[in-house]
C-alpha atoms as a PDB file:
ATOM      1  CA  MET A   1    -130.877 -27.257  88.447  1.00  0.00           C
ATOM      2  CA  THR A   2    -134.323 -28.223  87.227  1.00  0.00           C
ATOM      3  CA  PHE A   3    -135.112 -28.845  83.573  1.00  0.00           C
ATOM      4  CA  ASN A   4    -138.285 -27.480  82.048  1.00  0.00           C
ATOM      5  CA  ASP A   5    -140.525 -30.481  81.483  1.00  0.00           C
ATOM      6  CA  ASN A   6    -141.294 -29.651  77.863  1.00  0.00           C
ATOM      7  CA  ALA A   7    -137.719 -28.949  76.726  1.00  0.00           C
ATOM      8  CA  ARG A   8    -136.622 -31.360  73.992  1.00  0.00           C
ATOM      9  CA  ILE A   9    -133.322 -33.223  74.377  1.00  0.00           C
ATOM     10  CA  ASP A  10    -130.979 -33.992  71.493  1.00  0.00           C
ATOM     11  CA  THR A  11    -129.312 -37.234  72.650  1.00  0.00           C
ATOM     12  CA  GLY A  12    -127.018 -37.355  69.618  1.00  0.00           C
ATOM     13  CA  LYS A  13    -124.168 -35.949  71.701  1.00  0.00           C
ATOM     14  CA  VAL A  14    -124.019 -39.026  73.963  1.00  0.00           C
ATOM     15  CA  SER A  15    -123.631 -42.779  73.631  1.00  0.00           C
ATOM     16  CA  LYS A  16    -124.163 -45.602  76.110  1.00  0.00           C
ATOM     17  CA  ARG A  17    -121.726 -48.485  76.538  1.00  0.00           C
ATOM     18  CA  SER A  18    -122.386 -51.563  78.628  1.00  0.00           C
ATOM     19  CA  GLY A  19    -121.531 -55.232  79.028  1.00  0.00           C
ATOM     20  CA  ALA A  20    -117.736 -54.909  78.988  1.00  0.00           C
ATOM     21  CA  ARG A  21    -115.590 -57.626  80.569  1.00  0.00           C
ATOM     22  CA  ARG A  22    -111.933 -57.134  81.371  1.00  0.00           C
ATOM     23  CA  GLY A  23    -109.224 -59.585  80.381  1.00  0.00           C
ATOM     24  CA  GLY A  24    -105.756 -59.147  81.825  1.00  0.00           C
ATOM     25  CA  ILE A  25    -104.448 -57.230  84.834  1.00  0.00           C
ATOM     26  CA  ILE A  26    -101.219 -55.609  85.910  1.00  0.00           C
ATOM     27  CA  ALA A  27    -100.429 -56.516  89.499  1.00  0.00           C
ATOM     28  CA  GLY A  28     -97.685 -55.592  91.915  1.00  0.00           C
ATOM     29  CA  GLY A  29     -96.481 -52.651  93.948  1.00  0.00           C
ATOM     30  CA  GLY A  30     -95.448 -50.645  90.901  1.00  0.00           C
ATOM     31  CA  GLY A  31     -98.987 -50.588  89.588  1.00  0.00           C
ATOM     32  CA  ILE A  32    -100.135 -47.533  91.498  1.00  0.00           C
ATOM     33  CA  VAL A  33     -97.183 -45.487  90.206  1.00  0.00           C
ATOM     34  CA  ALA A  34     -98.009 -46.425  86.631  1.00  0.00           C
ATOM     35  CA  LEU A  35    -101.650 -45.583  87.202  1.00  0.00           C
ATOM     36  CA  LEU A  36    -100.798 -42.170  88.588  1.00  0.00           C
ATOM     37  CA  LEU A  37     -98.686 -41.423  85.540  1.00  0.00           C
ATOM     38  CA  VAL A  38    -101.394 -42.578  83.147  1.00  0.00           C
ATOM     39  CA  PHE A  39    -104.119 -40.630  84.897  1.00  0.00           C
ATOM     40  CA  GLY A  40    -102.100 -37.493  85.442  1.00  0.00           C
ATOM     41  CA  SER A  41    -100.787 -37.256  81.897  1.00  0.00           C
ATOM     42  CA  GLN A  42    -103.789 -38.365  79.868  1.00  0.00           C
ATOM     43  CA  MET A  43    -107.069 -38.331  81.782  1.00  0.00           C
ATOM     44  CA  LEU A  44    -108.457 -35.070  83.081  1.00  0.00           C
ATOM     45  CA  GLY A  45    -111.335 -34.975  85.493  1.00  0.00           C
ATOM     46  CA  VAL A  46    -112.751 -35.668  88.914  1.00  0.00           C
ATOM     47  CA  ASN A  47    -109.937 -37.873  90.181  1.00  0.00           C
ATOM     48  CA  LEU A  48    -110.514 -39.866  93.360  1.00  0.00           C
ATOM     49  CA  MET A  49    -108.421 -42.788  92.193  1.00  0.00           C
ATOM     50  CA  PRO A  50    -104.900 -42.012  93.529  1.00  0.00           C
ATOM     51  CA  PHE A  51    -106.139 -41.995  97.137  1.00  0.00           C
ATOM     52  CA  ALA A  52    -108.602 -44.905  96.949  1.00  0.00           C
ATOM     53  CA  PRO A  53    -108.075 -48.698  96.840  1.00  0.00           C
ATOM     54  CA  VAL A  54    -108.933 -49.173  93.194  1.00  0.00           C
ATOM     55  CA  VAL A  55    -105.572 -50.178  91.715  1.00  0.00           C
ATOM     56  CA  ASP A  56    -107.135 -53.014  89.759  1.00  0.00           C
ATOM     57  CA  GLN A  57    -109.787 -50.810  88.197  1.00  0.00           C
ATOM     58  CA  LEU A  58    -107.732 -48.631  85.828  1.00  0.00           C
ATOM     59  CA  ILE A  59    -105.303 -50.902  84.017  1.00  0.00           C
ATOM     60  CA  SER A  60    -103.577 -49.675  80.891  1.00  0.00           C
ATOM     61  CA  GLY A  61    -102.705 -53.233  79.879  1.00  0.00           C
ATOM     62  CA  SER A  62    -106.231 -54.582  80.125  1.00  0.00           C
ATOM     63  CA  SER A  63    -108.398 -55.642  77.232  1.00  0.00           C
ATOM     64  CA  LEU A  64    -112.171 -55.478  77.105  1.00  0.00           C
ATOM     65  CA  SER A  65    -114.584 -57.817  75.412  1.00  0.00           C
ATOM     66  CA  GLY A  66    -118.329 -57.974  74.973  1.00  0.00           C
ATOM     67  CA  GLU A  67    -118.855 -54.212  75.138  1.00  0.00           C
ATOM     68  CA  ARG A  68    -121.950 -52.846  73.419  1.00  0.00           C
ATOM     69  CA  THR A  69    -122.583 -49.290  72.218  1.00  0.00           C
ATOM     70  CA  GLU A  70    -126.196 -48.262  71.957  1.00  0.00           C
ATOM     71  CA  ALA A  71    -128.498 -45.275  71.811  1.00  0.00           C
ATOM     72  CA  LEU A  72    -129.856 -43.739  74.988  1.00  0.00           C
ATOM     73  CA  PRO A  73    -133.555 -44.666  75.059  1.00  0.00           C
ATOM     74  CA  GLY A  74    -136.313 -42.838  76.898  1.00  0.00           C
ATOM     75  CA  CYS A  75    -134.517 -39.491  77.107  1.00  0.00           C
ATOM     76  CA  GLU A  76    -136.641 -37.090  75.111  1.00  0.00           C
ATOM     77  CA  THR A  77    -137.735 -34.255  77.380  1.00  0.00           C
ATOM     78  CA  GLY A  78    -136.709 -32.185  80.362  1.00  0.00           C
ATOM     79  CA  ALA A  79    -139.115 -34.257  82.448  1.00  0.00           C
ATOM     80  CA  ASP A  80    -137.044 -37.343  81.596  1.00  0.00           C
ATOM     81  CA  ALA A  81    -133.886 -35.488  82.621  1.00  0.00           C
ATOM     82  CA  ASN A  82    -135.401 -34.585  85.980  1.00  0.00           C
ATOM     83  CA  ASP A  83    -136.251 -38.231  86.650  1.00  0.00           C
ATOM     84  CA  ASP A  84    -133.167 -40.127  85.430  1.00  0.00           C
ATOM     85  CA  ALA A  85    -129.425 -39.513  85.925  1.00  0.00           C
ATOM     86  CA  GLU A  86    -128.366 -40.664  82.451  1.00  0.00           C
ATOM     87  CA  CYS A  87    -131.063 -38.554  80.812  1.00  0.00           C
ATOM     88  CA  ARG A  88    -129.898 -35.669  83.009  1.00  0.00           C
ATOM     89  CA  MET A  89    -126.378 -36.061  81.621  1.00  0.00           C
ATOM     90  CA  ALA A  90    -127.711 -36.148  78.039  1.00  0.00           C
ATOM     91  CA  ALA A  91    -129.731 -32.971  78.578  1.00  0.00           C
ATOM     92  CA  THR A  92    -126.806 -31.282  80.323  1.00  0.00           C
ATOM     93  CA  ALA A  93    -124.558 -32.173  77.387  1.00  0.00           C
ATOM     94  CA  ASP A  94    -127.066 -30.634  74.986  1.00  0.00           C
ATOM     95  CA  SER A  95    -127.187 -27.417  77.034  1.00  0.00           C
ATOM     96  CA  LEU A  96    -123.406 -27.227  77.454  1.00  0.00           C
ATOM     97  CA  ASP A  97    -122.797 -27.733  73.748  1.00  0.00           C
ATOM     98  CA  ARG A  98    -125.185 -24.957  72.768  1.00  0.00           C
ATOM     99  CA  TYR A  99    -123.782 -22.613  75.414  1.00  0.00           C
ATOM    100  CA  TRP A 100    -120.124 -23.029  74.452  1.00  0.00           C
ATOM    101  CA  GLU A 101    -120.882 -22.759  70.745  1.00  0.00           C
ATOM    102  CA  GLY A 102    -121.709 -19.129  71.425  1.00  0.00           C
ATOM    103  CA  GLN A 103    -118.644 -18.497  73.585  1.00  0.00           C
ATOM    104  CA  VAL A 104    -115.620 -19.911  71.720  1.00  0.00           C
ATOM    105  CA  ASP A 105    -114.554 -18.960  68.209  1.00  0.00           C
ATOM    106  CA  GLY A 106    -114.093 -22.048  66.068  1.00  0.00           C
ATOM    107  CA  TYR A 107    -115.885 -24.166  68.650  1.00  0.00           C
ATOM    108  CA  ARG A 108    -116.016 -27.939  68.099  1.00  0.00           C
ATOM    109  CA  SER A 109    -118.148 -30.286  70.167  1.00  0.00           C
ATOM    110  CA  PRO A 110    -116.474 -33.105  72.086  1.00  0.00           C
ATOM    111  CA  ALA A 111    -116.253 -36.189  69.907  1.00  0.00           C
ATOM    112  CA  ASP A 112    -118.562 -38.039  72.299  1.00  0.00           C
ATOM    113  CA  VAL A 113    -119.943 -38.133  75.817  1.00  0.00           C
ATOM    114  CA  VAL A 114    -119.716 -41.803  76.747  1.00  0.00           C
ATOM    115  CA  LEU A 115    -122.017 -42.980  79.529  1.00  0.00           C
ATOM    116  CA  TYR A 116    -120.648 -46.363  80.470  1.00  0.00           C
ATOM    117  CA  ASP A 117    -121.544 -49.157  82.837  1.00  0.00           C
ATOM    118  CA  GLY A 118    -118.696 -50.452  85.007  1.00  0.00           C
ATOM    119  CA  GLN A 119    -115.736 -50.014  82.674  1.00  0.00           C
ATOM    120  CA  THR A 120    -114.884 -49.003  79.148  1.00  0.00           C
ATOM    121  CA  GLN A 121    -112.022 -48.358  76.759  1.00  0.00           C
ATOM    122  CA  SER A 122    -110.957 -44.812  75.900  1.00  0.00           C
ATOM    123  CA  GLY A 123    -108.187 -43.214  73.895  1.00  0.00           C
ATOM    124  CA  CYS A 124    -106.393 -42.814  77.248  1.00  0.00           C
ATOM    125  CA  GLY A 125    -106.694 -46.470  78.313  1.00  0.00           C
ATOM    126  CA  THR A 126    -109.151 -48.614  80.188  1.00  0.00           C
ATOM    127  CA  ALA A 127    -111.207 -46.889  82.890  1.00  0.00           C
ATOM    128  CA  SER A 128    -113.805 -47.823  85.469  1.00  0.00           C
ATOM    129  CA  SER A 129    -116.371 -45.906  87.466  1.00  0.00           C
ATOM    130  CA  ALA A 130    -113.943 -45.795  90.398  1.00  0.00           C
ATOM    131  CA  THR A 131    -111.546 -43.569  88.449  1.00  0.00           C
ATOM    132  CA  GLY A 132    -114.156 -40.864  88.253  1.00  0.00           C
ATOM    133  CA  PRO A 133    -115.429 -39.065  85.155  1.00  0.00           C
ATOM    134  CA  PHE A 134    -112.711 -37.758  82.864  1.00  0.00           C
ATOM    135  CA  TYR A 135    -111.934 -35.986  79.608  1.00  0.00           C
ATOM    136  CA  CYS A 136    -109.493 -37.763  77.320  1.00  0.00           C
ATOM    137  CA  PRO A 137    -107.583 -35.324  75.100  1.00  0.00           C
ATOM    138  CA  SER A 138    -106.437 -38.129  72.794  1.00  0.00           C
ATOM    139  CA  ASP A 139    -109.942 -38.755  71.474  1.00  0.00           C
ATOM    140  CA  GLN A 140    -111.557 -35.517  72.732  1.00  0.00           C
ATOM    141  CA  ALA A 141    -114.291 -37.484  74.477  1.00  0.00           C
ATOM    142  CA  ILE A 142    -115.788 -37.412  77.981  1.00  0.00           C
ATOM    143  CA  TYR A 143    -116.299 -40.658  79.926  1.00  0.00           C
ATOM    144  CA  LEU A 144    -118.717 -40.958  82.841  1.00  0.00           C
ATOM    145  CA  ASP A 145    -120.395 -43.746  84.787  1.00  0.00           C
ATOM    146  CA  VAL A 146    -123.345 -42.276  86.687  1.00  0.00           C
ATOM    147  CA  ALA A 147    -122.634 -44.775  89.506  1.00  0.00           C
ATOM    148  CA  PHE A 148    -119.839 -42.346  90.395  1.00  0.00           C
ATOM    149  CA  PHE A 149    -122.415 -39.955  91.810  1.00  0.00           C
ATOM    150  CA  ASP A 150    -123.261 -42.442  94.572  1.00  0.00           C
ATOM    151  CA  MET A 151    -119.564 -42.629  95.499  1.00  0.00           C
ATOM    152  CA  LEU A 152    -119.246 -38.849  95.463  1.00  0.00           C
ATOM    153  CA  SER A 153    -122.160 -38.365  97.861  1.00  0.00           C
ATOM    154  CA  GLY A 154    -121.831 -41.527  99.945  1.00  0.00           C
ATOM    155  CA  ASP A 155    -118.053 -41.618 100.442  1.00  0.00           C
ATOM    156  CA  TYR A 156    -116.982 -37.997  99.990  1.00  0.00           C
ATOM    157  CA  GLY A 157    -119.924 -36.057 101.395  1.00  0.00           C
ATOM    158  CA  ALA A 158    -121.143 -34.236  98.303  1.00  0.00           C
ATOM    159  CA  SER A 159    -124.803 -33.393  97.858  1.00  0.00           C
ATOM    160  CA  ASP A 160    -126.830 -35.756  95.698  1.00  0.00           C
ATOM    161  CA  GLY A 161    -128.687 -32.796  94.192  1.00  0.00           C
ATOM    162  CA  SER A 162    -129.032 -32.426  90.446  1.00  0.00           C
ATOM    163  CA  LEU A 163    -126.575 -29.538  90.066  1.00  0.00           C
ATOM    164  CA  ALA A 164    -123.927 -31.448  92.024  1.00  0.00           C
ATOM    165  CA  GLN A 165    -124.128 -34.073  89.280  1.00  0.00           C
ATOM    166  CA  MET A 166    -124.362 -31.590  86.426  1.00  0.00           C
ATOM    167  CA  TYR A 167    -121.327 -29.723  87.765  1.00  0.00           C
ATOM    168  CA  VAL A 168    -119.261 -32.860  87.178  1.00  0.00           C
ATOM    169  CA  LEU A 169    -120.107 -32.993  83.469  1.00  0.00           C
ATOM    170  CA  ALA A 170    -119.731 -29.208  83.135  1.00  0.00           C
ATOM    171  CA  HIS A 171    -116.237 -29.518  84.646  1.00  0.00           C
ATOM    172  CA  GLU A 172    -115.256 -32.195  82.109  1.00  0.00           C
ATOM    173  CA  TRP A 173    -116.645 -30.038  79.305  1.00  0.00           C
ATOM    174  CA  GLY A 174    -114.439 -27.283  80.691  1.00  0.00           C
ATOM    175  CA  HIS A 175    -111.391 -29.441  79.953  1.00  0.00           C
ATOM    176  CA  HIS A 176    -112.531 -29.679  76.358  1.00  0.00           C
ATOM    177  CA  ILE A 177    -112.765 -25.888  76.214  1.00  0.00           C
ATOM    178  CA  SER A 178    -109.227 -25.639  77.635  1.00  0.00           C
ATOM    179  CA  ASN A 179    -108.117 -28.016  74.902  1.00  0.00           C
ATOM    180  CA  LEU A 180    -109.730 -25.852  72.211  1.00  0.00           C
ATOM    181  CA  ILE A 181    -108.247 -22.576  73.465  1.00  0.00           C
ATOM    182  CA  GLY A 182    -104.774 -24.029  74.078  1.00  0.00           C
ATOM    183  CA  THR A 183    -104.428 -23.824  77.856  1.00  0.00           C
ATOM    184  CA  LEU A 184    -104.569 -27.585  78.272  1.00  0.00           C
ATOM    185  CA  GLN A 185    -101.257 -27.786  76.431  1.00  0.00           C
ATOM    186  CA  GLN A 186     -99.694 -25.485  79.051  1.00  0.00           C
ATOM    187  CA  ALA A 187    -100.446 -27.771  81.969  1.00  0.00           C
ATOM    188  CA  GLY A 188     -97.422 -30.072  81.908  1.00  0.00           C
ATOM    189  CA  ARG A 189     -97.039 -33.076  84.198  1.00  0.00           C
ATOM    190  CA  GLU A 190     -95.767 -31.488  87.403  1.00  0.00           C
ATOM    191  CA  THR A 191     -97.706 -31.509  90.661  1.00  0.00           C
ATOM    192  CA  GLY A 192     -97.923 -28.971  93.458  1.00  0.00           C
ATOM    193  CA  PRO A 193    -100.135 -26.112  94.643  1.00  0.00           C
ATOM    194  CA  ALA A 194     -99.281 -23.785  91.725  1.00  0.00           C
ATOM    195  CA  SER A 195     -98.711 -26.455  89.081  1.00  0.00           C
ATOM    196  CA  GLY A 196    -100.165 -26.372  85.611  1.00  0.00           C
ATOM    197  CA  SER A 197    -102.381 -29.326  86.443  1.00  0.00           C
ATOM    198  CA  VAL A 198    -103.965 -27.434  89.346  1.00  0.00           C
ATOM    199  CA  ARG A 199    -104.442 -24.357  87.160  1.00  0.00           C
ATOM    200  CA  LEU A 200    -106.104 -26.515  84.509  1.00  0.00           C
ATOM    201  CA  GLU A 201    -108.529 -28.083  86.992  1.00  0.00           C
ATOM    202  CA  LEU A 202    -109.445 -24.736  88.506  1.00  0.00           C
ATOM    203  CA  GLN A 203    -110.067 -23.354  85.031  1.00  0.00           C
ATOM    204  CA  ALA A 204    -112.489 -26.227  84.378  1.00  0.00           C
ATOM    205  CA  ASP A 205    -114.305 -25.397  87.618  1.00  0.00           C
ATOM    206  CA  CYS A 206    -114.526 -21.764  86.530  1.00  0.00           C
ATOM    207  CA  PHE A 207    -115.889 -22.745  83.125  1.00  0.00           C
ATOM    208  CA  ALA A 208    -118.502 -24.896  84.872  1.00  0.00           C
ATOM    209  CA  GLY A 209    -119.599 -21.889  86.907  1.00  0.00           C
ATOM    210  CA  ALA A 210    -119.776 -19.754  83.766  1.00  0.00           C
ATOM    211  CA  TRP A 211    -122.212 -22.207  82.185  1.00  0.00           C
ATOM    212  CA  VAL A 212    -124.380 -22.258  85.325  1.00  0.00           C
ATOM    213  CA  LYS A 213    -124.526 -18.445  85.236  1.00  0.00           C
ATOM    214  CA  ASP A 214    -126.296 -18.443  81.859  1.00  0.00           C
ATOM    215  CA  ALA A 215    -127.716 -21.977  81.664  1.00  0.00           C
ATOM    216  CA  SER A 216    -131.332 -20.860  82.052  1.00  0.00           C
ATOM    217  CA  THR A 217    -131.000 -18.769  78.857  1.00  0.00           C
ATOM    218  CA  VAL A 218    -129.890 -21.708  76.663  1.00  0.00           C
ATOM    219  CA  THR A 219    -132.767 -23.047  74.551  1.00  0.00           C
ATOM    220  CA  ASP A 220    -133.667 -26.092  72.492  1.00  0.00           C
ATOM    221  CA  ASP A 221    -134.422 -25.934  68.769  1.00  0.00           C
ATOM    222  CA  ALA A 222    -137.942 -24.694  69.485  1.00  0.00           C
ATOM    223  CA  GLY A 223    -136.706 -21.853  71.699  1.00  0.00           C
ATOM    224  CA  VAL A 224    -137.728 -23.509  74.983  1.00  0.00           C
ATOM    225  CA  PRO A 225    -135.163 -22.915  77.771  1.00  0.00           C
ATOM    226  CA  PHE A 226    -133.624 -26.165  78.923  1.00  0.00           C
ATOM    227  CA  LEU A 227    -133.341 -25.119  82.542  1.00  0.00           C
ATOM    228  CA  GLN A 228    -135.172 -23.068  85.112  1.00  0.00           C
ATOM    229  CA  PRO A 229    -133.211 -20.308  86.906  1.00  0.00           C
ATOM    230  CA  VAL A 230    -130.755 -21.690  89.428  1.00  0.00           C
ATOM    231  CA  THR A 231    -131.599 -21.467  93.132  1.00  0.00           C
ATOM    232  CA  GLN A 232    -129.250 -20.772  96.013  1.00  0.00           C
ATOM    233  CA  GLN A 233    -129.779 -24.322  97.277  1.00  0.00           C
ATOM    234  CA  GLN A 234    -128.690 -25.690  93.915  1.00  0.00           C
ATOM    235  CA  ILE A 235    -125.569 -23.517  93.973  1.00  0.00           C
ATOM    236  CA  ALA A 236    -124.859 -24.939  97.425  1.00  0.00           C
ATOM    237  CA  ASP A 237    -125.203 -28.442  95.933  1.00  0.00           C
ATOM    238  CA  ALA A 238    -122.604 -27.616  93.285  1.00  0.00           C
ATOM    239  CA  MET A 239    -120.328 -26.125  95.930  1.00  0.00           C
ATOM    240  CA  SER A 240    -120.528 -29.326  97.950  1.00  0.00           C
ATOM    241  CA  ALA A 241    -119.434 -31.345  94.914  1.00  0.00           C
ATOM    242  CA  ALA A 242    -116.546 -28.961  94.216  1.00  0.00           C
ATOM    243  CA  ALA A 243    -115.406 -29.219  97.832  1.00  0.00           C
ATOM    244  CA  ALA A 244    -115.675 -33.012  97.816  1.00  0.00           C
ATOM    245  CA  VAL A 245    -113.113 -33.318  95.022  1.00  0.00           C
ATOM    246  CA  GLY A 246    -110.511 -30.950  96.477  1.00  0.00           C
ATOM    247  CA  ASP A 247    -107.087 -32.540  96.879  1.00  0.00           C
ATOM    248  CA  ASP A 248    -106.998 -31.776 100.603  1.00  0.00           C
ATOM    249  CA  HIS A 249    -110.431 -33.303 101.226  1.00  0.00           C
ATOM    250  CA  ILE A 250    -109.655 -36.440  99.227  1.00  0.00           C
ATOM    251  CA  MET A 251    -106.368 -36.948 101.079  1.00  0.00           C
ATOM    252  CA  GLU A 252    -108.058 -36.438 104.445  1.00  0.00           C
ATOM    253  CA  SER A 253    -110.833 -38.866 103.487  1.00  0.00           C
ATOM    254  CA  ALA A 254    -108.224 -41.462 102.533  1.00  0.00           C
ATOM    255  CA  GLY A 255    -106.488 -41.040 105.894  1.00  0.00           C
ATOM    256  CA  VAL A 256    -103.226 -39.769 104.420  1.00  0.00           C
ATOM    257  CA  GLU A 257    -101.281 -36.632 105.232  1.00  0.00           C
ATOM    258  CA  VAL A 258    -102.294 -33.562 103.264  1.00  0.00           C
ATOM    259  CA  ASN A 259     -99.249 -32.857 101.111  1.00  0.00           C
ATOM    260  CA  PRO A 260     -99.552 -29.783  98.858  1.00  0.00           C
ATOM    261  CA  GLU A 261     -96.661 -31.006  96.704  1.00  0.00           C
ATOM    262  CA  ARG A 262     -98.906 -33.844  95.532  1.00  0.00           C
ATOM    263  CA  PHE A 263    -101.786 -31.567  94.595  1.00  0.00           C
ATOM    264  CA  THR A 264    -103.096 -32.008  91.047  1.00  0.00           C
ATOM    265  CA  HIS A 265    -106.620 -30.554  91.302  1.00  0.00           C
ATOM    266  CA  GLY A 266    -106.573 -27.764  93.901  1.00  0.00           C
ATOM    267  CA  THR A 267    -108.021 -27.484  97.380  1.00  0.00           C
ATOM    268  CA  SER A 268    -111.704 -27.568  98.202  1.00  0.00           C
ATOM    269  CA  GLU A 269    -111.635 -23.826  98.876  1.00  0.00           C
ATOM    270  CA  GLN A 270    -109.946 -23.078  95.556  1.00  0.00           C
ATOM    271  CA  ARG A 271    -112.359 -25.208  93.584  1.00  0.00           C
ATOM    272  CA  GLN A 272    -115.355 -23.487  95.132  1.00  0.00           C
ATOM    273  CA  ARG A 273    -113.828 -20.036  94.678  1.00  0.00           C
ATOM    274  CA  TRP A 274    -113.044 -20.496  90.987  1.00  0.00           C
ATOM    275  CA  PHE A 275    -116.494 -21.947  90.310  1.00  0.00           C
ATOM    276  CA  GLN A 276    -117.922 -18.835  91.912  1.00  0.00           C
ATOM    277  CA  ALA A 277    -115.646 -16.619  89.791  1.00  0.00           C
ATOM    278  CA  GLY A 278    -117.097 -18.138  86.635  1.00  0.00           C
ATOM    279  CA  TYR A 279    -120.621 -17.946  88.019  1.00  0.00           C
ATOM    280  CA  ARG A 280    -120.258 -14.251  88.812  1.00  0.00           C
ATOM    281  CA  SER A 281    -118.352 -13.058  85.750  1.00  0.00           C
ATOM    282  CA  GLY A 282    -118.461 -15.658  82.982  1.00  0.00           C
ATOM    283  CA  PRO A 283    -115.620 -17.274  80.976  1.00  0.00           C
ATOM    284  CA  ALA A 284    -113.537 -14.080  80.892  1.00  0.00           C
ATOM    285  CA  ALA A 285    -112.837 -14.584  84.614  1.00  0.00           C
ATOM    286  CA  CYS A 286    -111.278 -18.012  84.083  1.00  0.00           C
ATOM    287  CA  GLY A 287    -107.662 -17.052  83.316  1.00  0.00           C
ATOM    288  CA  THR A 288    -106.101 -19.349  85.892  1.00  0.00           C
ATOM    289  CA  PHE A 289    -102.867 -19.540  83.892  1.00  0.00           C
ATOM    290  CA  ASP A 290    -102.523 -15.749  84.020  1.00  0.00           C
ATOM    291  CA  VAL A 291    -102.504 -15.204  87.793  1.00  0.00           C
ATOM    292  CA  PRO A 292     -99.595 -15.590  90.233  1.00  0.00           C
ATOM    293  CA  ALA A 293     -99.544 -18.529  92.611  1.00  0.00           C
ATOM    294  CA  SER A 294    -100.693 -16.290  95.469  1.00  0.00           C
ATOM    295  CA  GLU A 295    -103.981 -15.602  93.631  1.00  0.00           C
ATOM    296  CA  LEU A 296    -104.873 -19.179  92.734  1.00  0.00           C
END
């Protein structure tokens, strides 16, 4: 989607971390099992990690040093958001926060949206850009390295359009909404095509679509809409991102057998379909925990 050039961005919802160095590493064949357990039970998001060679990039026993937290400079207007990926994430966060405030009783913003460079520490452990963006329930914060977008388009075939990127943050925000309304607590730790984890991920996709439906009506403090009306090409960009992070597509891209019993996020088709459900009908259509397995 395209931001209106004169919309004003409140960057207070995001922080930027950079300069971290890792000390310590867990090696050995058991590492990937531990990583899967950590990611599956604590981190919720666009997960490419279990099927990619990045075992040394998410290490729960690591320590970080030299990390700096700073403000996000140069992100003041919609024009800045159209030109820069980090500014785009800050503006998207501002729009998402204002949208969901009007949708959820007792709404609370995420504690932070952390834009990090390379790796950072979260309440769910140490993460890197290779793990993908995620929501950490422990600290109710979202973590995202914009370098992930290059991986998503270059390695997994997603569009590099703006809404493909904004969909990712909207999906993570969806996990925060699930946390607030209590469905996140229903997910459990099982895997499989009708598992709670799949239902949770599809709900986040649906919530992302619900925001896109009404995003052009969300305004800044001066009443200026953040975003121009969405185009069909931009919807196609978001659909390409949703398809890229389907369990079946990620497994195929990694050259492993597609095994539905290992699904944690849903198929490409499911992720697109639930995004479209939210886009057509809003948050009320996102009851993924209320439908039988045959309707997921």
